[in-house]
Amino acid sequence: DIKTFAVTEVDDIAELREVIGSLDI
């Protein structure tokens, strides 16, 4: 039930989107 995620590198965004879908980054 974590709804918001955070990264520092823009290169991580695509990989993270694959997992969390439309949840906030």
PDB file of all heavy atoms in Angstrom:
ATOM      1  N   ASP A   1       0.787  -1.245   0.000  1.00  0.00           N
ATOM      2  CA  ASP A   1       0.000   0.000   0.000  1.00  0.00           C
ATOM      3  C   ASP A   1       0.815   1.289   0.000  1.00  0.00           C
ATOM      4  O   ASP A   1       0.321   2.332   0.445  1.00  0.00           O
ATOM      5  CB  ASP A   1      -0.982   0.016   1.177  1.00  0.00           C
ATOM      6  CG  ASP A   1      -2.003  -1.109   1.083  1.00  0.00           C
ATOM      7  OD1 ASP A   1      -2.461  -1.387  -0.036  1.00  0.00           O
ATOM      8  OD2 ASP A   1      -2.326  -1.705   2.126  1.00  0.00           O
ATOM      9  N   ILE A   2       2.045   1.238  -0.499  1.00  0.00           N
ATOM     10  CA  ILE A   2       2.786   2.482  -0.727  1.00  0.00           C
ATOM     11  C   ILE A   2       2.277   3.065  -2.037  1.00  0.00           C
ATOM     12  O   ILE A   2       2.277   2.380  -3.071  1.00  0.00           O
ATOM     13  CB  ILE A   2       4.306   2.240  -0.799  1.00  0.00           C
ATOM     14  CG1 ILE A   2       4.789   1.559   0.488  1.00  0.00           C
ATOM     15  CG2 ILE A   2       5.047   3.549  -1.035  1.00  0.00           C
ATOM     16  CD1 ILE A   2       4.579   2.349   1.745  1.00  0.00           C
ATOM     17  N   LYS A   3       1.866   4.335  -2.023  1.00  0.00           N
ATOM     18  CA  LYS A   3       1.213   4.947  -3.180  1.00  0.00           C
ATOM     19  C   LYS A   3       2.113   5.920  -3.942  1.00  0.00           C
ATOM     20  O   LYS A   3       1.817   6.263  -5.096  1.00  0.00           O
ATOM     21  CB  LYS A   3      -0.044   5.695  -2.740  1.00  0.00           C
ATOM     22  CG  LYS A   3      -1.039   4.855  -1.945  1.00  0.00           C
ATOM     23  CD  LYS A   3      -1.621   3.738  -2.777  1.00  0.00           C
ATOM     24  CE  LYS A   3      -2.714   3.003  -2.001  1.00  0.00           C
ATOM     25  NZ  LYS A   3      -3.228   1.826  -2.750  1.00  0.00           N
ATOM     26  N   THR A   4       3.177   6.385  -3.299  1.00  0.00           N
ATOM     27  CA  THR A   4       4.082   7.351  -3.931  1.00  0.00           C
ATOM     28  C   THR A   4       5.507   6.840  -3.818  1.00  0.00           C
ATOM     29  O   THR A   4       5.921   6.357  -2.762  1.00  0.00           O
ATOM     30  CB  THR A   4       3.979   8.732  -3.263  1.00  0.00           C
ATOM     31  OG1 THR A   4       2.625   9.195  -3.347  1.00  0.00           O
ATOM     32  CG2 THR A   4       4.889   9.745  -3.959  1.00  0.00           C
ATOM     33  N   PHE A   5       6.252   6.977  -4.915  1.00  0.00           N
ATOM     34  CA  PHE A   5       7.625   6.513  -4.970  1.00  0.00           C
ATOM     35  C   PHE A   5       8.534   7.677  -5.343  1.00  0.00           C
ATOM     36  O   PHE A   5       8.093   8.680  -5.899  1.00  0.00           O
ATOM     37  CB  PHE A   5       7.762   5.382  -5.989  1.00  0.00           C
ATOM     38  CG  PHE A   5       7.003   4.146  -5.599  1.00  0.00           C
ATOM     39  CD1 PHE A   5       5.617   4.083  -5.749  1.00  0.00           C
ATOM     40  CD2 PHE A   5       7.656   3.050  -5.061  1.00  0.00           C
ATOM     41  CE1 PHE A   5       4.906   2.955  -5.371  1.00  0.00           C
ATOM     42  CE2 PHE A   5       6.956   1.920  -4.679  1.00  0.00           C
ATOM     43  CZ  PHE A   5       5.585   1.874  -4.834  1.00  0.00           C
ATOM     44  N   ALA A   6       9.825   7.542  -5.043  1.00  0.00           N
ATOM     45  CA  ALA A   6      10.763   8.617  -5.333  1.00  0.00           C
ATOM     46  C   ALA A   6      12.075   8.052  -5.844  1.00  0.00           C
ATOM     47  O   ALA A   6      12.572   7.034  -5.345  1.00  0.00           O
ATOM     48  CB  ALA A   6      11.004   9.474  -4.087  1.00  0.00           C
ATOM     49  N   VAL A   7      12.638   8.730  -6.838  1.00  0.00           N
ATOM     50  CA  VAL A   7      13.947   8.393  -7.388  1.00  0.00           C
ATOM     51  C   VAL A   7      14.724   9.689  -7.593  1.00  0.00           C
ATOM     52  O   VAL A   7      14.157  10.787  -7.525  1.00  0.00           O
ATOM     53  CB  VAL A   7      13.840   7.635  -8.729  1.00  0.00           C
ATOM     54  CG1 VAL A   7      13.211   6.271  -8.531  1.00  0.00           C
ATOM     55  CG2 VAL A   7      13.050   8.444  -9.752  1.00  0.00           C
ATOM     56  N   THR A   8      16.009   9.569  -7.862  1.00  0.00           N
ATOM     57  CA  THR A   8      16.812  10.755  -8.167  1.00  0.00           C
ATOM     58  C   THR A   8      17.238  10.792  -9.625  1.00  0.00           C
ATOM     59  O   THR A   8      17.501  11.868 -10.168  1.00  0.00           O
ATOM     60  CB  THR A   8      18.073  10.808  -7.283  1.00  0.00           C
ATOM     61  OG1 THR A   8      18.809   9.596  -7.434  1.00  0.00           O
ATOM     62  CG2 THR A   8      17.702  11.008  -5.822  1.00  0.00           C
ATOM     63  N   GLU A   9      17.315   9.629 -10.272  1.00  0.00           N
ATOM     64  CA  GLU A   9      17.788   9.552 -11.651  1.00  0.00           C
ATOM     65  C   GLU A   9      16.608   9.405 -12.616  1.00  0.00           C
ATOM     66  O   GLU A   9      15.754   8.542 -12.429  1.00  0.00           O
ATOM     67  CB  GLU A   9      18.740   8.359 -11.828  1.00  0.00           C
ATOM     68  CG  GLU A   9      19.932   8.364 -10.886  1.00  0.00           C
ATOM     69  CD  GLU A   9      20.804   9.587 -11.064  1.00  0.00           C
ATOM     70  OE1 GLU A   9      21.048   9.979 -12.228  1.00  0.00           O
ATOM     71  OE2 GLU A   9      21.235  10.159 -10.046  1.00  0.00           O
ATOM     72  N   VAL A  10      16.602  10.223 -13.661  1.00  0.00           N
ATOM     73  CA  VAL A  10      15.505  10.123 -14.635  1.00  0.00           C
ATOM     74  C   VAL A  10      15.546   8.790 -15.374  1.00  0.00           C
ATOM     75  O   VAL A  10      14.515   8.308 -15.868  1.00  0.00           O
ATOM     76  CB  VAL A  10      15.534  11.298 -15.633  1.00  0.00           C
ATOM     77  CG1 VAL A  10      15.253  12.612 -14.920  1.00  0.00           C
ATOM     78  CG2 VAL A  10      16.862  11.365 -16.388  1.00  0.00           C
ATOM     79  N   ASP A  11      16.726   8.156 -15.443  1.00  0.00           N
ATOM     80  CA  ASP A  11      16.835   6.861 -16.112  1.00  0.00           C
ATOM     81  C   ASP A  11      16.067   5.767 -15.376  1.00  0.00           C
ATOM     82  O   ASP A  11      15.779   4.713 -15.957  1.00  0.00           O
ATOM     83  CB  ASP A  11      18.304   6.442 -16.229  1.00  0.00           C
ATOM     84  CG  ASP A  11      19.078   7.300 -17.225  1.00  0.00           C
ATOM     85  OD1 ASP A  11      18.420   7.982 -18.043  1.00  0.00           O
ATOM     86  OD2 ASP A  11      20.314   7.291 -17.188  1.00  0.00           O
ATOM     87  N   ASP A  12      15.728   5.989 -14.125  1.00  0.00           N
ATOM     88  CA  ASP A  12      14.990   4.995 -13.341  1.00  0.00           C
ATOM     89  C   ASP A  12      13.484   5.045 -13.591  1.00  0.00           C
ATOM     90  O   ASP A  12      12.758   4.116 -13.205  1.00  0.00           O
ATOM     91  CB  ASP A  12      15.240   5.206 -11.839  1.00  0.00           C
ATOM     92  CG  ASP A  12      16.631   4.775 -11.412  1.00  0.00           C
ATOM     93  OD1 ASP A  12      17.232   3.943 -12.111  1.00  0.00           O
ATOM     94  OD2 ASP A  12      17.110   5.275 -10.376  1.00  0.00           O
ATOM     95  N   ILE A  13      13.016   6.119 -14.206  1.00  0.00           N
ATOM     96  CA  ILE A  13      11.571   6.333 -14.321  1.00  0.00           C
ATOM     97  C   ILE A  13      10.892   5.230 -15.115  1.00  0.00           C
ATOM     98  O   ILE A  13       9.875   4.667 -14.681  1.00  0.00           O
ATOM     99  CB  ILE A  13      11.280   7.711 -14.949  1.00  0.00           C
ATOM    100  CG1 ILE A  13      11.730   8.823 -13.999  1.00  0.00           C
ATOM    101  CG2 ILE A  13       9.790   7.848 -15.272  1.00  0.00           C
ATOM    102  CD1 ILE A  13      11.660  10.213 -14.608  1.00  0.00           C
ATOM    103  N   ALA A  14      11.423   4.901 -16.294  1.00  0.00           N
ATOM    104  CA  ALA A  14      10.776   3.908 -17.157  1.00  0.00           C
ATOM    105  C   ALA A  14      10.690   2.554 -16.466  1.00  0.00           C
ATOM    106  O   ALA A  14       9.645   1.883 -16.503  1.00  0.00           O
ATOM    107  CB  ALA A  14      11.538   3.785 -18.473  1.00  0.00           C
ATOM    108  N   GLU A  15      11.777   2.131 -15.816  1.00  0.00           N
ATOM    109  CA  GLU A  15      11.799   0.844 -15.128  1.00  0.00           C
ATOM    110  C   GLU A  15      10.805   0.827 -13.976  1.00  0.00           C
ATOM    111  O   GLU A  15      10.107  -0.164 -13.750  1.00  0.00           O
ATOM    112  CB  GLU A  15      13.221   0.576 -14.620  1.00  0.00           C
ATOM    113  CG  GLU A  15      13.465  -0.850 -14.197  1.00  0.00           C
ATOM    114  CD  GLU A  15      14.929  -1.133 -13.921  1.00  0.00           C
ATOM    115  OE1 GLU A  15      15.705  -0.171 -13.743  1.00  0.00           O
ATOM    116  OE2 GLU A  15      15.293  -2.321 -13.867  1.00  0.00           O
ATOM    117  N   LEU A  16      10.715   1.936 -13.260  1.00  0.00           N
ATOM    118  CA  LEU A  16       9.788   2.022 -12.141  1.00  0.00           C
ATOM    119  C   LEU A  16       8.341   2.013 -12.620  1.00  0.00           C
ATOM    120  O   LEU A  16       7.479   1.361 -12.012  1.00  0.00           O
ATOM    121  CB  LEU A  16      10.080   3.283 -11.326  1.00  0.00           C
ATOM    122  CG  LEU A  16       9.261   3.525 -10.062  1.00  0.00           C
ATOM    123  CD1 LEU A  16       9.340   2.336  -9.117  1.00  0.00           C
ATOM    124  CD2 LEU A  16       9.729   4.803  -9.360  1.00  0.00           C
ATOM    125  N   ARG A  17       8.068   2.703 -13.721  1.00  0.00           N
ATOM    126  CA  ARG A  17       6.711   2.736 -14.278  1.00  0.00           C
ATOM    127  C   ARG A  17       6.211   1.334 -14.623  1.00  0.00           C
ATOM    128  O   ARG A  17       5.027   1.018 -14.475  1.00  0.00           O
ATOM    129  CB  ARG A  17       6.670   3.616 -15.523  1.00  0.00           C
ATOM    130  CG  ARG A  17       6.430   5.084 -15.235  1.00  0.00           C
ATOM    131  CD  ARG A  17       4.943   5.382 -15.091  1.00  0.00           C
ATOM    132  NE  ARG A  17       4.739   6.772 -14.694  1.00  0.00           N
ATOM    133  CZ  ARG A  17       4.309   7.165 -13.509  1.00  0.00           C
ATOM    134  NH1 ARG A  17       4.023   6.277 -12.575  1.00  0.00           N
ATOM    135  NH2 ARG A  17       4.146   8.439 -13.235  1.00  0.00           N
ATOM    136  N   GLU A  18       7.122   0.475 -15.095  1.00  0.00           N
ATOM    137  CA  GLU A  18       6.740  -0.895 -15.446  1.00  0.00           C
ATOM    138  C   GLU A  18       6.139  -1.626 -14.247  1.00  0.00           C
ATOM    139  O   GLU A  18       5.280  -2.491 -14.404  1.00  0.00           O
ATOM    140  CB  GLU A  18       7.964  -1.675 -15.939  1.00  0.00           C
ATOM    141  CG  GLU A  18       8.487  -1.240 -17.296  1.00  0.00           C
ATOM    142  CD  GLU A  18       9.702  -2.054 -17.704  1.00  0.00           C
ATOM    143  OE1 GLU A  18       9.888  -3.165 -17.163  1.00  0.00           O
ATOM    144  OE2 GLU A  18      10.471  -1.577 -18.557  1.00  0.00           O
ATOM    145  N   VAL A  19       6.594  -1.271 -13.066  1.00  0.00           N
ATOM    146  CA  VAL A  19       6.192  -1.984 -11.854  1.00  0.00           C
ATOM    147  C   VAL A  19       4.997  -1.339 -11.177  1.00  0.00           C
ATOM    148  O   VAL A  19       4.058  -2.024 -10.754  1.00  0.00           O
ATOM    149  CB  VAL A  19       7.367  -2.062 -10.859  1.00  0.00           C
ATOM    150  CG1 VAL A  19       6.941  -2.741  -9.564  1.00  0.00           C
ATOM    151  CG2 VAL A  19       8.547  -2.793 -11.481  1.00  0.00           C
ATOM    152  N   ILE A  20       5.002  -0.017 -11.066  1.00  0.00           N
ATOM    153  CA  ILE A  20       3.979   0.657 -10.251  1.00  0.00           C
ATOM    154  C   ILE A  20       2.845   1.259 -11.068  1.00  0.00           C
ATOM    155  O   ILE A  20       1.895   1.814 -10.502  1.00  0.00           O
ATOM    156  CB  ILE A  20       4.606   1.748  -9.364  1.00  0.00           C
ATOM    157  CG1 ILE A  20       5.128   2.926 -10.211  1.00  0.00           C
ATOM    158  CG2 ILE A  20       5.719   1.175  -8.500  1.00  0.00           C
ATOM    159  CD1 ILE A  20       5.472   4.148  -9.406  1.00  0.00           C
ATOM    160  N   GLY A  21       2.943   1.162 -12.382  1.00  0.00           N
ATOM    161  CA  GLY A  21       1.871   1.689 -13.219  1.00  0.00           C
ATOM    162  C   GLY A  21       1.706   3.188 -13.080  1.00  0.00           C
ATOM    163  O   GLY A  21       2.667   3.950 -13.193  1.00  0.00           O
ATOM    164  N   SER A  22       0.489   3.622 -12.785  1.00  0.00           N
ATOM    165  CA  SER A  22       0.181   5.051 -12.753  1.00  0.00           C
ATOM    166  C   SER A  22       0.389   5.707 -11.390  1.00  0.00           C
ATOM    167  O   SER A  22       0.074   6.887 -11.217  1.00  0.00           O
ATOM    168  CB  SER A  22      -1.275   5.270 -13.193  1.00  0.00           C
ATOM    169  OG  SER A  22      -2.165   4.601 -12.310  1.00  0.00           O
ATOM    170  N   LEU A  23       0.909   4.963 -10.431  1.00  0.00           N
ATOM    171  CA  LEU A  23       1.163   5.567  -9.116  1.00  0.00           C
ATOM    172  C   LEU A  23       2.178   6.703  -9.252  1.00  0.00           C
ATOM    173  O   LEU A  23       2.947   6.768 -10.207  1.00  0.00           O
ATOM    174  CB  LEU A  23       1.676   4.502  -8.135  1.00  0.00           C
ATOM    175  CG  LEU A  23       0.691   3.399  -7.746  1.00  0.00           C
ATOM    176  CD1 LEU A  23       1.359   2.387  -6.832  1.00  0.00           C
ATOM    177  CD2 LEU A  23      -0.545   3.992  -7.070  1.00  0.00           C
ATOM    178  N   ASP A  24       2.201   7.586  -8.268  1.00  0.00           N
ATOM    179  CA  ASP A  24       3.028   8.790  -8.358  1.00  0.00           C
ATOM    180  C   ASP A  24       4.518   8.501  -8.206  1.00  0.00           C
ATOM    181  O   ASP A  24       4.931   7.681  -7.377  1.00  0.00           O
ATOM    182  CB  ASP A  24       2.614   9.795  -7.278  1.00  0.00           C
ATOM    183  CG  ASP A  24       1.345  10.545  -7.642  1.00  0.00           C
ATOM    184  OD1 ASP A  24       1.022  10.603  -8.841  1.00  0.00           O
ATOM    185  OD2 ASP A  24       0.674  11.066  -6.730  1.00  0.00           O
ATOM    186  N   ILE A  25       5.313   9.216  -9.013  1.00  0.00           N
ATOM    187  CA  ILE A  25       6.772   9.186  -8.907  1.00  0.00           C
ATOM    188  C   ILE A  25       7.269  10.606  -8.695  1.00  0.00           C
ATOM    189  O   ILE A  25       7.038  11.483  -9.525  1.00  0.00           O
ATOM    190  CB  ILE A  25       7.433   8.624 -10.181  1.00  0.00           C
ATOM    191  CG1 ILE A  25       6.984   7.186 -10.448  1.00  0.00           C
ATOM    192  CG2 ILE A  25       8.954   8.704 -10.065  1.00  0.00           C
ATOM    193  CD1 ILE A  25       7.509   6.615 -11.762  1.00  0.00           C
TER     194      ILE A  25
END
